[in-house]
Amino acid sequence: ALPCPAPGCARSFPSPRALLAHRHGAHSAALPYHCPLPGCPRAFRWRSSLITHKRAHVRAGAASPAELFPDRESARRRARGGEGGGGGGVGDGGESGGGSDGVERGWGVGGEMGGIERV
């Protein structure tokens, strides 16, 4: 087990990665992930917390997924054959946009680009 080197912290961890995550979360005041929505002052320690926060903006109608998740949206357009993409592949078959009424549903955290994905 790897003990935390921070003064007064008695925790220990099974791997260097777990120790690093602990130090980043428990012993750092840095908030490196800032909300990109103009006028929103929120910042977060964890990227996953920012993603959850951005999803709340989308649900509230303050922004579209394309505004807050531009990398994910451009990947979707490429998968559908737009923006120089070849079409075909994983994004086809209804997974690239939503229901037949055009409404996005089932957003989840994760995906290969670290943004949002349909679940």
PDB file of N, CA and C in Angstrom:
ATOM      1  N   ALA A   1       0.847  -1.189   0.000  1.00  0.00           N
ATOM      2  CA  ALA A   1       0.000   0.000   0.000  1.00  0.00           C
ATOM      3  C   ALA A   1       0.888   1.247   0.000  1.00  0.00           C
ATOM      4  N   LEU A   2       0.411   2.260  -0.683  1.00  0.00           N
ATOM      5  CA  LEU A   2       1.144   3.528  -0.778  1.00  0.00           C
ATOM      6  C   LEU A   2       0.506   4.565   0.128  1.00  0.00           C
ATOM      7  N   PRO A   3       1.238   5.047   1.128  1.00  0.00           N
ATOM      8  CA  PRO A   3       0.667   6.050   2.024  1.00  0.00           C
ATOM      9  C   PRO A   3       0.653   7.430   1.372  1.00  0.00           C
ATOM     10  N   CYS A   4      -0.331   8.220   1.738  1.00  0.00           N
ATOM     11  CA  CYS A   4      -0.390   9.605   1.260  1.00  0.00           C
ATOM     12  C   CYS A   4       0.692  10.405   1.981  1.00  0.00           C
ATOM     13  N   PRO A   5       1.515  11.153   1.231  1.00  0.00           N
ATOM     14  CA  PRO A   5       2.596  11.909   1.869  1.00  0.00           C
ATOM     15  C   PRO A   5       2.158  13.246   2.471  1.00  0.00           C
ATOM     16  N   ALA A   6       0.904  13.614   2.324  1.00  0.00           N
ATOM     17  CA  ALA A   6       0.437  14.899   2.862  1.00  0.00           C
ATOM     18  C   ALA A   6       0.469  14.870   4.388  1.00  0.00           C
ATOM     19  N   PRO A   7       0.935  15.948   4.993  1.00  0.00           N
ATOM     20  CA  PRO A   7       0.982  16.001   6.461  1.00  0.00           C
ATOM     21  C   PRO A   7      -0.407  15.811   7.074  1.00  0.00           C
ATOM     22  N   GLY A   8      -0.495  14.920   8.034  1.00  0.00           N
ATOM     23  CA  GLY A   8      -1.748  14.680   8.735  1.00  0.00           C
ATOM     24  C   GLY A   8      -2.704  13.733   8.037  1.00  0.00           C
ATOM     25  N   CYS A   9      -2.362  13.255   6.864  1.00  0.00           N
ATOM     26  CA  CYS A   9      -3.243  12.336   6.138  1.00  0.00           C
ATOM     27  C   CYS A   9      -2.777  10.906   6.384  1.00  0.00           C
ATOM     28  N   ALA A  10      -3.635  10.070   6.913  1.00  0.00           N
ATOM     29  CA  ALA A  10      -3.274   8.698   7.260  1.00  0.00           C
ATOM     30  C   ALA A  10      -3.746   7.690   6.216  1.00  0.00           C
ATOM     31  N   ARG A  11      -4.254   8.143   5.085  1.00  0.00           N
ATOM     32  CA  ARG A  11      -4.786   7.224   4.076  1.00  0.00           C
ATOM     33  C   ARG A  11      -3.664   6.555   3.291  1.00  0.00           C
ATOM     34  N   SER A  12      -3.946   5.359   2.818  1.00  0.00           N
ATOM     35  CA  SER A  12      -3.007   4.656   1.947  1.00  0.00           C
ATOM     36  C   SER A  12      -3.800   4.055   0.787  1.00  0.00           C
ATOM     37  N   PHE A  13      -3.093   3.758  -0.311  1.00  0.00           N
ATOM     38  CA  PHE A  13      -3.754   3.383  -1.552  1.00  0.00           C
ATOM     39  C   PHE A  13      -3.057   2.199  -2.202  1.00  0.00           C
ATOM     40  N   PRO A  14      -3.824   1.386  -2.948  1.00  0.00           N
ATOM     41  CA  PRO A  14      -3.260   0.180  -3.544  1.00  0.00           C
ATOM     42  C   PRO A  14      -2.434   0.421  -4.808  1.00  0.00           C
ATOM     43  N   SER A  15      -2.574   1.616  -5.406  1.00  0.00           N
ATOM     44  CA  SER A  15      -1.843   1.871  -6.651  1.00  0.00           C
ATOM     45  C   SER A  15      -1.424   3.335  -6.733  1.00  0.00           C
ATOM     46  N   PRO A  16      -0.403   3.618  -7.528  1.00  0.00           N
ATOM     47  CA  PRO A  16       0.006   5.017  -7.710  1.00  0.00           C
ATOM     48  C   PRO A  16      -1.112   5.877  -8.293  1.00  0.00           C
ATOM     49  N   ARG A  17      -1.912   5.292  -9.186  1.00  0.00           N
ATOM     50  CA  ARG A  17      -3.016   6.047  -9.785  1.00  0.00           C
ATOM     51  C   ARG A  17      -4.048   6.451  -8.723  1.00  0.00           C
ATOM     52  N   ALA A  18      -4.372   5.534  -7.827  1.00  0.00           N
ATOM     53  CA  ALA A  18      -5.328   5.835  -6.762  1.00  0.00           C
ATOM     54  C   ALA A  18      -4.779   6.912  -5.827  1.00  0.00           C
ATOM     55  N   LEU A  19      -3.498   6.847  -5.528  1.00  0.00           N
ATOM     56  CA  LEU A  19      -2.867   7.858  -4.695  1.00  0.00           C
ATOM     57  C   LEU A  19      -2.911   9.221  -5.377  1.00  0.00           C
ATOM     58  N   LEU A  20      -2.604   9.258  -6.654  1.00  0.00           N
ATOM     59  CA  LEU A  20      -2.628  10.517  -7.399  1.00  0.00           C
ATOM     60  C   LEU A  20      -4.040  11.110  -7.430  1.00  0.00           C
ATOM     61  N   ALA A  21      -5.041  10.268  -7.657  1.00  0.00           N
ATOM     62  CA  ALA A  21      -6.423  10.748  -7.661  1.00  0.00           C
ATOM     63  C   ALA A  21      -6.795  11.322  -6.297  1.00  0.00           C
ATOM     64  N   HIS A  22      -6.376  10.667  -5.241  1.00  0.00           N
ATOM     65  CA  HIS A  22      -6.648  11.154  -3.878  1.00  0.00           C
ATOM     66  C   HIS A  22      -5.984  12.509  -3.646  1.00  0.00           C
ATOM     67  N   ARG A  23      -4.719  12.620  -4.015  1.00  0.00           N
ATOM     68  CA  ARG A  23      -3.999  13.873  -3.794  1.00  0.00           C
ATOM     69  C   ARG A  23      -4.628  15.013  -4.585  1.00  0.00           C
ATOM     70  N   HIS A  24      -5.037  14.712  -5.817  1.00  0.00           N
ATOM     71  CA  HIS A  24      -5.663  15.724  -6.658  1.00  0.00           C
ATOM     72  C   HIS A  24      -6.992  16.168  -6.061  1.00  0.00           C
ATOM     73  N   GLY A  25      -7.769  15.217  -5.558  1.00  0.00           N
ATOM     74  CA  GLY A  25      -9.095  15.537  -5.041  1.00  0.00           C
ATOM     75  C   GLY A  25      -9.112  16.071  -3.621  1.00  0.00           C
ATOM     76  N   ALA A  26      -8.298  15.497  -2.758  1.00  0.00           N
ATOM     77  CA  ALA A  26      -8.368  15.845  -1.344  1.00  0.00           C
ATOM     78  C   ALA A  26      -7.395  16.937  -0.922  1.00  0.00           C
ATOM     79  N   HIS A  27      -6.299  17.084  -1.629  1.00  0.00           N
ATOM     80  CA  HIS A  27      -5.252  17.999  -1.162  1.00  0.00           C
ATOM     81  C   HIS A  27      -4.927  19.119  -2.150  1.00  0.00           C
ATOM     82  N   SER A  28      -5.792  19.351  -3.113  1.00  0.00           N
ATOM     83  CA  SER A  28      -5.546  20.414  -4.085  1.00  0.00           C
ATOM     84  C   SER A  28      -6.719  21.373  -4.093  1.00  0.00           C
ATOM     85  N   ALA A  29      -6.423  22.654  -4.115  1.00  0.00           N
ATOM     86  CA  ALA A  29      -7.473  23.662  -4.185  1.00  0.00           C
ATOM     87  C   ALA A  29      -7.738  24.079  -5.632  1.00  0.00           C
ATOM     88  N   ALA A  30      -6.972  23.532  -6.569  1.00  0.00           N
ATOM     89  CA  ALA A  30      -7.105  23.910  -7.974  1.00  0.00           C
ATOM     90  C   ALA A  30      -8.449  23.470  -8.534  1.00  0.00           C
ATOM     91  N   LEU A  31      -9.035  24.342  -9.348  1.00  0.00           N
ATOM     92  CA  LEU A  31     -10.279  24.042 -10.049  1.00  0.00           C
ATOM     93  C   LEU A  31     -10.016  24.267 -11.538  1.00  0.00           C
ATOM     94  N   PRO A  32      -9.399  23.280 -12.196  1.00  0.00           N
ATOM     95  CA  PRO A  32      -8.955  23.493 -13.571  1.00  0.00           C
ATOM     96  C   PRO A  32     -10.036  23.404 -14.638  1.00  0.00           C
ATOM     97  N   TYR A  33     -11.233  22.919 -14.317  1.00  0.00           N
ATOM     98  CA  TYR A  33     -12.272  22.724 -15.319  1.00  0.00           C
ATOM     99  C   TYR A  33     -13.352  23.793 -15.178  1.00  0.00           C
ATOM    100  N   HIS A  34     -13.370  24.734 -16.106  1.00  0.00           N
ATOM    101  CA  HIS A  34     -14.288  25.873 -16.064  1.00  0.00           C
ATOM    102  C   HIS A  34     -15.432  25.693 -17.040  1.00  0.00           C
ATOM    103  N   CYS A  35     -16.617  26.120 -16.635  1.00  0.00           N
ATOM    104  CA  CYS A  35     -17.781  26.043 -17.509  1.00  0.00           C
ATOM    105  C   CYS A  35     -17.585  27.013 -18.676  1.00  0.00           C
ATOM    106  N   PRO A  36     -17.768  26.523 -19.921  1.00  0.00           N
ATOM    107  CA  PRO A  36     -17.556  27.383 -21.085  1.00  0.00           C
ATOM    108  C   PRO A  36     -18.746  28.273 -21.432  1.00  0.00           C
ATOM    109  N   LEU A  37     -19.871  28.119 -20.730  1.00  0.00           N
ATOM    110  CA  LEU A  37     -21.047  28.930 -21.040  1.00  0.00           C
ATOM    111  C   LEU A  37     -20.806  30.364 -20.583  1.00  0.00           C
ATOM    112  N   PRO A  38     -20.915  31.327 -21.488  1.00  0.00           N
ATOM    113  CA  PRO A  38     -20.693  32.737 -21.101  1.00  0.00           C
ATOM    114  C   PRO A  38     -21.602  33.129 -19.939  1.00  0.00           C
ATOM    115  N   GLY A  39     -21.010  33.752 -18.956  1.00  0.00           N
ATOM    116  CA  GLY A  39     -21.747  34.201 -17.787  1.00  0.00           C
ATOM    117  C   GLY A  39     -21.822  33.197 -16.653  1.00  0.00           C
ATOM    118  N   CYS A  40     -21.415  31.956 -16.889  1.00  0.00           N
ATOM    119  CA  CYS A  40     -21.438  30.957 -15.818  1.00  0.00           C
ATOM    120  C   CYS A  40     -20.076  30.947 -15.131  1.00  0.00           C
ATOM    121  N   PRO A  41     -20.041  31.225 -13.836  1.00  0.00           N
ATOM    122  CA  PRO A  41     -18.763  31.314 -13.126  1.00  0.00           C
ATOM    123  C   PRO A  41     -18.251  29.986 -12.560  1.00  0.00           C
ATOM    124  N   ARG A  42     -18.956  28.893 -12.747  1.00  0.00           N
ATOM    125  CA  ARG A  42     -18.609  27.643 -12.089  1.00  0.00           C
ATOM    126  C   ARG A  42     -17.319  27.029 -12.613  1.00  0.00           C
ATOM    127  N   ALA A  43     -16.564  26.437 -11.693  1.00  0.00           N
ATOM    128  CA  ALA A  43     -15.334  25.712 -12.014  1.00  0.00           C
ATOM    129  C   ALA A  43     -15.301  24.472 -11.124  1.00  0.00           C
ATOM    130  N   PHE A  44     -14.611  23.436 -11.602  1.00  0.00           N
ATOM    131  CA  PHE A  44     -14.654  22.154 -10.921  1.00  0.00           C
ATOM    132  C   PHE A  44     -13.278  21.514 -10.825  1.00  0.00           C
ATOM    133  N   ARG A  45     -13.127  20.689  -9.812  1.00  0.00           N
ATOM    134  CA  ARG A  45     -11.889  19.950  -9.604  1.00  0.00           C
ATOM    135  C   ARG A  45     -11.812  18.756 -10.547  1.00  0.00           C
ATOM    136  N   TRP A  46     -12.945  18.151 -10.859  1.00  0.00           N
ATOM    137  CA  TRP A  46     -12.997  16.950 -11.666  1.00  0.00           C
ATOM    138  C   TRP A  46     -13.688  17.220 -12.990  1.00  0.00           C
ATOM    139  N   ARG A  47     -13.163  16.660 -14.062  1.00  0.00           N
ATOM    140  CA  ARG A  47     -13.750  16.799 -15.389  1.00  0.00           C
ATOM    141  C   ARG A  47     -15.161  16.218 -15.428  1.00  0.00           C
ATOM    142  N   SER A  48     -15.371  15.115 -14.738  1.00  0.00           N
ATOM    143  CA  SER A  48     -16.695  14.491 -14.712  1.00  0.00           C
ATOM    144  C   SER A  48     -17.733  15.422 -14.078  1.00  0.00           C
ATOM    145  N   SER A  49     -17.314  16.210 -13.088  1.00  0.00           N
ATOM    146  CA  SER A  49     -18.238  17.171 -12.472  1.00  0.00           C
ATOM    147  C   SER A  49     -18.611  18.274 -13.456  1.00  0.00           C
ATOM    148  N   LEU A  50     -17.646  18.730 -14.260  1.00  0.00           N
ATOM    149  CA  LEU A  50     -17.943  19.729 -15.285  1.00  0.00           C
ATOM    150  C   LEU A  50     -18.918  19.166 -16.307  1.00  0.00           C
ATOM    151  N   ILE A  51     -18.731  17.924 -16.728  1.00  0.00           N
ATOM    152  CA  ILE A  51     -19.629  17.313 -17.706  1.00  0.00           C
ATOM    153  C   ILE A  51     -21.051  17.244 -17.157  1.00  0.00           C
ATOM    154  N   THR A  52     -21.192  16.837 -15.901  1.00  0.00           N
ATOM    155  CA  THR A  52     -22.511  16.797 -15.263  1.00  0.00           C
ATOM    156  C   THR A  52     -23.126  18.188 -15.234  1.00  0.00           C
ATOM    157  N   HIS A  53     -22.334  19.191 -14.903  1.00  0.00           N
ATOM    158  CA  HIS A  53     -22.799  20.577 -14.848  1.00  0.00           C
ATOM    159  C   HIS A  53     -23.251  21.049 -16.229  1.00  0.00           C
ATOM    160  N   LYS A  54     -22.472  20.755 -17.266  1.00  0.00           N
ATOM    161  CA  LYS A  54     -22.837  21.166 -18.619  1.00  0.00           C
ATOM    162  C   LYS A  54     -24.131  20.486 -19.059  1.00  0.00           C
ATOM    163  N   ARG A  55     -24.318  19.247 -18.677  1.00  0.00           N
ATOM    164  CA  ARG A  55     -25.567  18.550 -19.003  1.00  0.00           C
ATOM    165  C   ARG A  55     -26.758  19.257 -18.361  1.00  0.00           C
ATOM    166  N   ALA A  56     -26.570  19.812 -17.157  1.00  0.00           N
ATOM    167  CA  ALA A  56     -27.655  20.552 -16.499  1.00  0.00           C
ATOM    168  C   ALA A  56     -28.012  21.798 -17.307  1.00  0.00           C
ATOM    169  N   HIS A  57     -27.025  22.477 -17.870  1.00  0.00           N
ATOM    170  CA  HIS A  57     -27.302  23.634 -18.740  1.00  0.00           C
ATOM    171  C   HIS A  57     -28.126  23.203 -19.946  1.00  0.00           C
ATOM    172  N   VAL A  58     -27.777  22.058 -20.539  1.00  0.00           N
ATOM    173  CA  VAL A  58     -28.505  21.565 -21.711  1.00  0.00           C
ATOM    174  C   VAL A  58     -29.944  21.235 -21.328  1.00  0.00           C
ATOM    175  N   ARG A  59     -30.139  20.530 -20.201  1.00  0.00           N
ATOM    176  CA  ARG A  59     -31.496  20.183 -19.759  1.00  0.00           C
ATOM    177  C   ARG A  59     -32.333  21.422 -19.467  1.00  0.00           C
ATOM    178  N   ALA A  60     -31.704  22.467 -18.930  1.00  0.00           N
ATOM    179  CA  ALA A  60     -32.423  23.695 -18.596  1.00  0.00           C
ATOM    180  C   ALA A  60     -32.698  24.559 -19.824  1.00  0.00           C
ATOM    181  N   GLY A  61     -32.117  24.191 -20.961  1.00  0.00           N
ATOM    182  CA  GLY A  61     -32.335  24.954 -22.186  1.00  0.00           C
ATOM    183  C   GLY A  61     -31.438  26.169 -22.323  1.00  0.00           C
ATOM    184  N   ALA A  62     -30.431  26.285 -21.461  1.00  0.00           N
ATOM    185  CA  ALA A  62     -29.524  27.434 -21.513  1.00  0.00           C
ATOM    186  C   ALA A  62     -28.507  27.303 -22.639  1.00  0.00           C
ATOM    187  N   ALA A  63     -28.313  26.099 -23.143  1.00  0.00           N
ATOM    188  CA  ALA A  63     -27.344  25.863 -24.214  1.00  0.00           C
ATOM    189  C   ALA A  63     -27.699  24.552 -24.908  1.00  0.00           C
ATOM    190  N   SER A  64     -27.215  24.411 -26.123  1.00  0.00           N
ATOM    191  CA  SER A  64     -27.426  23.159 -26.854  1.00  0.00           C
ATOM    192  C   SER A  64     -26.221  22.251 -26.634  1.00  0.00           C
ATOM    193  N   PRO A  65     -26.370  20.952 -26.880  1.00  0.00           N
ATOM    194  CA  PRO A  65     -25.208  20.062 -26.770  1.00  0.00           C
ATOM    195  C   PRO A  65     -24.075  20.502 -27.685  1.00  0.00           C
ATOM    196  N   ALA A  66     -24.403  21.018 -28.860  1.00  0.00           N
ATOM    197  CA  ALA A  66     -23.360  21.453 -29.798  1.00  0.00           C
ATOM    198  C   ALA A  66     -22.543  22.609 -29.232  1.00  0.00           C
ATOM    199  N   GLU A  67     -23.162  23.465 -28.438  1.00  0.00           N
ATOM    200  CA  GLU A  67     -22.442  24.598 -27.841  1.00  0.00           C
ATOM    201  C   GLU A  67     -21.500  24.155 -26.732  1.00  0.00           C
ATOM    202  N   LEU A  68     -21.960  23.249 -25.895  1.00  0.00           N
ATOM    203  CA  LEU A  68     -21.173  22.856 -24.722  1.00  0.00           C
ATOM    204  C   LEU A  68     -20.291  21.637 -24.942  1.00  0.00           C
ATOM    205  N   PHE A  69     -20.568  20.863 -25.994  1.00  0.00           N
ATOM    206  CA  PHE A  69     -19.790  19.677 -26.287  1.00  0.00           C
ATOM    207  C   PHE A  69     -19.395  19.698 -27.761  1.00  0.00           C
ATOM    208  N   PRO A  70     -18.643  20.708 -28.203  1.00  0.00           N
ATOM    209  CA  PRO A  70     -18.353  20.854 -29.630  1.00  0.00           C
ATOM    210  C   PRO A  70     -17.570  19.690 -30.222  1.00  0.00           C
ATOM    211  N   ASP A  71     -16.647  19.109 -29.502  1.00  0.00           N
ATOM    212  CA  ASP A  71     -15.875  17.982 -30.030  1.00  0.00           C
ATOM    213  C   ASP A  71     -16.775  16.781 -30.279  1.00  0.00           C
ATOM    214  N   ARG A  72     -17.677  16.529 -29.361  1.00  0.00           N
ATOM    215  CA  ARG A  72     -18.585  15.392 -29.494  1.00  0.00           C
ATOM    216  C   ARG A  72     -19.539  15.615 -30.664  1.00  0.00           C
ATOM    217  N   GLU A  73     -20.040  16.824 -30.805  1.00  0.00           N
ATOM    218  CA  GLU A  73     -20.973  17.117 -31.888  1.00  0.00           C
ATOM    219  C   GLU A  73     -20.284  17.021 -33.251  1.00  0.00           C
ATOM    220  N   SER A  74     -19.050  17.493 -33.374  1.00  0.00           N
ATOM    221  CA  SER A  74     -18.366  17.396 -34.667  1.00  0.00           C
ATOM    222  C   SER A  74     -18.074  15.936 -35.004  1.00  0.00           C
ATOM    223  N   ALA A  75     -17.818  15.108 -34.002  1.00  0.00           N
ATOM    224  CA  ALA A  75     -17.611  13.682 -34.249  1.00  0.00           C
ATOM    225  C   ALA A  75     -18.903  13.047 -34.750  1.00  0.00           C
ATOM    226  N   ARG A  76     -20.030  13.471 -34.214  1.00  0.00           N
ATOM    227  CA  ARG A  76     -21.319  12.946 -34.672  1.00  0.00           C
ATOM    228  C   ARG A  76     -21.570  13.328 -36.125  1.00  0.00           C
ATOM    229  N   ARG A  77     -21.278  14.569 -36.468  1.00  0.00           N
ATOM    230  CA  ARG A  77     -21.494  15.003 -37.849  1.00  0.00           C
ATOM    231  C   ARG A  77     -20.601  14.207 -38.796  1.00  0.00           C
ATOM    232  N   ARG A  78     -19.371  13.961 -38.411  1.00  0.00           N
ATOM    233  CA  ARG A  78     -18.477  13.153 -39.246  1.00  0.00           C
ATOM    234  C   ARG A  78     -19.021  11.737 -39.400  1.00  0.00           C
ATOM    235  N   ALA A  79     -19.549  11.176 -38.321  1.00  0.00           N
ATOM    236  CA  ALA A  79     -20.090   9.815 -38.371  1.00  0.00           C
ATOM    237  C   ALA A  79     -21.310   9.745 -39.289  1.00  0.00           C
ATOM    238  N   ARG A  80     -22.055  10.845 -39.382  1.00  0.00           N
ATOM    239  CA  ARG A  80     -23.237  10.882 -40.249  1.00  0.00           C
ATOM    240  C   ARG A  80     -22.877  11.213 -41.686  1.00  0.00           C
ATOM    241  N   GLY A  81     -21.598  11.520 -41.950  1.00  0.00           N
ATOM    242  CA  GLY A  81     -21.175  11.810 -43.309  1.00  0.00           C
ATOM    243  C   GLY A  81     -20.942  13.277 -43.583  1.00  0.00           C
ATOM    244  N   GLY A  82     -21.105  14.141 -42.623  1.00  0.00           N
ATOM    245  CA  GLY A  82     -20.849  15.569 -42.800  1.00  0.00           C
ATOM    246  C   GLY A  82     -19.430  15.912 -42.410  1.00  0.00           C
ATOM    247  N   GLU A  83     -18.990  17.117 -42.691  1.00  0.00           N
ATOM    248  CA  GLU A  83     -17.664  17.627 -42.322  1.00  0.00           C
ATOM    249  C   GLU A  83     -16.540  16.714 -42.786  1.00  0.00           C
ATOM    250  N   GLY A  84     -16.621  16.218 -43.987  1.00  0.00           N
ATOM    251  CA  GLY A  84     -15.521  15.435 -44.526  1.00  0.00           C
ATOM    252  C   GLY A  84     -15.482  14.002 -44.075  1.00  0.00           C
ATOM    253  N   GLY A  85     -16.461  13.576 -43.270  1.00  0.00           N
ATOM    254  CA  GLY A  85     -16.473  12.194 -42.819  1.00  0.00           C
ATOM    255  C   GLY A  85     -17.034  11.291 -43.890  1.00  0.00           C
ATOM    256  N   GLY A  86     -16.782  10.024 -43.791  1.00  0.00           N
ATOM    257  CA  GLY A  86     -17.219   9.091 -44.794  1.00  0.00           C
ATOM    258  C   GLY A  86     -18.574   8.470 -44.528  1.00  0.00           C
ATOM    259  N   GLY A  87     -19.175   8.737 -43.400  1.00  0.00           N
ATOM    260  CA  GLY A  87     -20.453   8.118 -43.084  1.00  0.00           C
ATOM    261  C   GLY A  87     -20.254   6.654 -42.763  1.00  0.00           C
ATOM    262  N   GLY A  88     -21.345   5.984 -42.476  1.00  0.00           N
ATOM    263  CA  GLY A  88     -21.266   4.564 -42.149  1.00  0.00           C
ATOM    264  C   GLY A  88     -20.644   4.353 -40.787  1.00  0.00           C
ATOM    265  N   GLY A  89     -20.656   3.153 -40.320  1.00  0.00           N
ATOM    266  CA  GLY A  89     -19.996   2.828 -39.068  1.00  0.00           C
ATOM    267  C   GLY A  89     -20.898   2.963 -37.871  1.00  0.00           C
ATOM    268  N   VAL A  90     -20.280   3.186 -36.730  1.00  0.00           N
ATOM    269  CA  VAL A  90     -20.956   3.128 -35.450  1.00  0.00           C
ATOM    270  C   VAL A  90     -22.064   4.155 -35.302  1.00  0.00           C
ATOM    271  N   GLY A  91     -21.891   5.361 -35.830  1.00  0.00           N
ATOM    272  CA  GLY A  91     -22.866   6.417 -35.604  1.00  0.00           C
ATOM    273  C   GLY A  91     -24.163   6.240 -36.340  1.00  0.00           C
ATOM    274  N   ASP A  92     -24.276   5.329 -37.290  1.00  0.00           N
ATOM    275  CA  ASP A  92     -25.506   5.165 -38.055  1.00  0.00           C
ATOM    276  C   ASP A  92     -26.509   4.318 -37.282  1.00  0.00           C
ATOM    277  N   GLY A  93     -27.708   4.237 -37.833  1.00  0.00           N
ATOM    278  CA  GLY A  93     -28.709   3.378 -37.218  1.00  0.00           C
ATOM    279  C   GLY A  93     -29.442   4.038 -36.080  1.00  0.00           C
ATOM    280  N   GLY A  94     -29.538   5.366 -36.073  1.00  0.00           N
ATOM    281  CA  GLY A  94     -30.326   6.052 -35.067  1.00  0.00           C
ATOM    282  C   GLY A  94     -29.574   6.422 -33.818  1.00  0.00           C
ATOM    283  N   GLU A  95     -28.321   6.066 -33.681  1.00  0.00           N
ATOM    284  CA  GLU A  95     -27.602   6.399 -32.461  1.00  0.00           C
ATOM    285  C   GLU A  95     -26.958   7.771 -32.532  1.00  0.00           C
ATOM    286  N   SER A  96     -27.076   8.456 -33.643  1.00  0.00           N
ATOM    287  CA  SER A  96     -26.321   9.683 -33.795  1.00  0.00           C
ATOM    288  C   SER A  96     -27.114  10.944 -33.553  1.00  0.00           C
ATOM    289  N   GLY A  97     -28.381  10.862 -33.175  1.00  0.00           N
ATOM    290  CA  GLY A  97     -29.062  12.123 -33.022  1.00  0.00           C
ATOM    291  C   GLY A  97     -30.243  12.151 -32.107  1.00  0.00           C
ATOM    292  N   GLY A  98     -30.957  11.117 -31.954  1.00  0.00           N
ATOM    293  CA  GLY A  98     -32.111  11.164 -31.088  1.00  0.00           C
ATOM    294  C   GLY A  98     -33.260  10.408 -31.693  1.00  0.00           C
ATOM    295  N   GLY A  99     -34.462  10.673 -31.177  1.00  0.00           N
ATOM    296  CA  GLY A  99     -35.648   9.978 -31.640  1.00  0.00           C
ATOM    297  C   GLY A  99     -36.114  10.504 -32.982  1.00  0.00           C
ATOM    298  N   SER A 100     -37.185   9.928 -33.482  1.00  0.00           N
ATOM    299  CA  SER A 100     -37.702  10.334 -34.781  1.00  0.00           C
ATOM    300  C   SER A 100     -38.219  11.767 -34.769  1.00  0.00           C
ATOM    301  N   ASP A 101     -38.485  12.301 -33.575  1.00  0.00           N
ATOM    302  CA  ASP A 101     -38.939  13.686 -33.481  1.00  0.00           C
ATOM    303  C   ASP A 101     -37.776  14.668 -33.390  1.00  0.00           C
ATOM    304  N   GLY A 102     -36.524  14.168 -33.445  1.00  0.00           N
ATOM    305  CA  GLY A 102     -35.345  15.030 -33.426  1.00  0.00           C
ATOM    306  C   GLY A 102     -34.904  15.462 -32.040  1.00  0.00           C
ATOM    307  N   VAL A 103     -35.563  14.991 -30.995  1.00  0.00           N
ATOM    308  CA  VAL A 103     -35.218  15.391 -29.632  1.00  0.00           C
ATOM    309  C   VAL A 103     -34.136  14.463 -29.102  1.00  0.00           C
ATOM    310  N   GLU A 104     -33.062  15.055 -28.556  1.00  0.00           N
ATOM    311  CA  GLU A 104     -31.983  14.253 -27.977  1.00  0.00           C
ATOM    312  C   GLU A 104     -32.465  13.642 -26.671  1.00  0.00           C
ATOM    313  N   ARG A 105     -32.143  12.370 -26.481  1.00  0.00           N
ATOM    314  CA  ARG A 105     -32.528  11.682 -25.262  1.00  0.00           C
ATOM    315  C   ARG A 105     -31.401  10.775 -24.803  1.00  0.00           C
ATOM    316  N   GLY A 106     -31.407  10.433 -23.510  1.00  0.00           N
ATOM    317  CA  GLY A 106     -30.509   9.414 -22.994  1.00  0.00           C
ATOM    318  C   GLY A 106     -29.061   9.820 -22.893  1.00  0.00           C
ATOM    319  N   TRP A 107     -28.789  11.057 -22.512  1.00  0.00           N
ATOM    320  CA  TRP A 107     -27.394  11.480 -22.414  1.00  0.00           C
ATOM    321  C   TRP A 107     -26.733  10.834 -21.222  1.00  0.00           C
ATOM    322  N   GLY A 108     -25.455  10.417 -21.393  1.00  0.00           N
ATOM    323  CA  GLY A 108     -24.675   9.821 -20.314  1.00  0.00           C
ATOM    324  C   GLY A 108     -23.244  10.328 -20.366  1.00  0.00           C
ATOM    325  N   VAL A 109     -22.511  10.144 -19.291  1.00  0.00           N
ATOM    326  CA  VAL A 109     -21.126  10.589 -19.232  1.00  0.00           C
ATOM    327  C   VAL A 109     -20.234   9.503 -19.791  1.00  0.00           C
ATOM    328  N   GLY A 110     -19.155   9.911 -20.436  1.00  0.00           N
ATOM    329  CA  GLY A 110     -18.175   8.940 -20.906  1.00  0.00           C
ATOM    330  C   GLY A 110     -17.930   9.089 -22.384  1.00  0.00           C
ATOM    331  N   GLY A 111     -17.681   8.008 -23.042  1.00  0.00           N
ATOM    332  CA  GLY A 111     -17.419   8.033 -24.471  1.00  0.00           C
ATOM    333  C   GLY A 111     -15.944   8.196 -24.739  1.00  0.00           C
ATOM    334  N   GLU A 112     -15.534   7.839 -25.929  1.00  0.00           N
ATOM    335  CA  GLU A 112     -14.119   7.866 -26.234  1.00  0.00           C
ATOM    336  C   GLU A 112     -13.555   9.263 -26.254  1.00  0.00           C
ATOM    337  N   MET A 113     -14.401  10.284 -26.434  1.00  0.00           N
ATOM    338  CA  MET A 113     -13.912  11.650 -26.442  1.00  0.00           C
ATOM    339  C   MET A 113     -14.079  12.306 -25.077  1.00  0.00           C
ATOM    340  N   GLY A 114     -14.606  11.557 -24.114  1.00  0.00           N
ATOM    341  CA  GLY A 114     -14.746  12.073 -22.760  1.00  0.00           C
ATOM    342  C   GLY A 114     -15.890  13.044 -22.628  1.00  0.00           C
ATOM    343  N   GLY A 115     -16.716  13.188 -23.615  1.00  0.00           N
ATOM    344  CA  GLY A 115     -17.842  14.101 -23.558  1.00  0.00           C
ATOM    345  C   GLY A 115     -19.085  13.387 -23.120  1.00  0.00           C
ATOM    346  N   ILE A 116     -20.129  13.555 -23.890  1.00  0.00           N
ATOM    347  CA  ILE A 116     -21.360  12.868 -23.566  1.00  0.00           C
ATOM    348  C   ILE A 116     -21.625  11.843 -24.641  1.00  0.00           C
ATOM    349  N   GLU A 117     -22.357  10.838 -24.292  1.00  0.00           N
ATOM    350  CA  GLU A 117     -22.704   9.825 -25.268  1.00  0.00           C
ATOM    351  C   GLU A 117     -24.111   9.346 -24.980  1.00  0.00           C
ATOM    352  N   ARG A 118     -24.724   8.751 -25.970  1.00  0.00           N
ATOM    353  CA  ARG A 118     -26.066   8.202 -25.767  1.00  0.00           C
ATOM    354  C   ARG A 118     -25.951   6.878 -25.028  1.00  0.00           C
ATOM    355  N   VAL A 119     -26.826   6.686 -24.066  1.00  0.00           N
ATOM    356  CA  VAL A 119     -26.815   5.441 -23.287  1.00  0.00           C
ATOM    357  C   VAL A 119     -28.149   4.747 -23.414  1.00  0.00           C
TER     358      VAL A 119
END
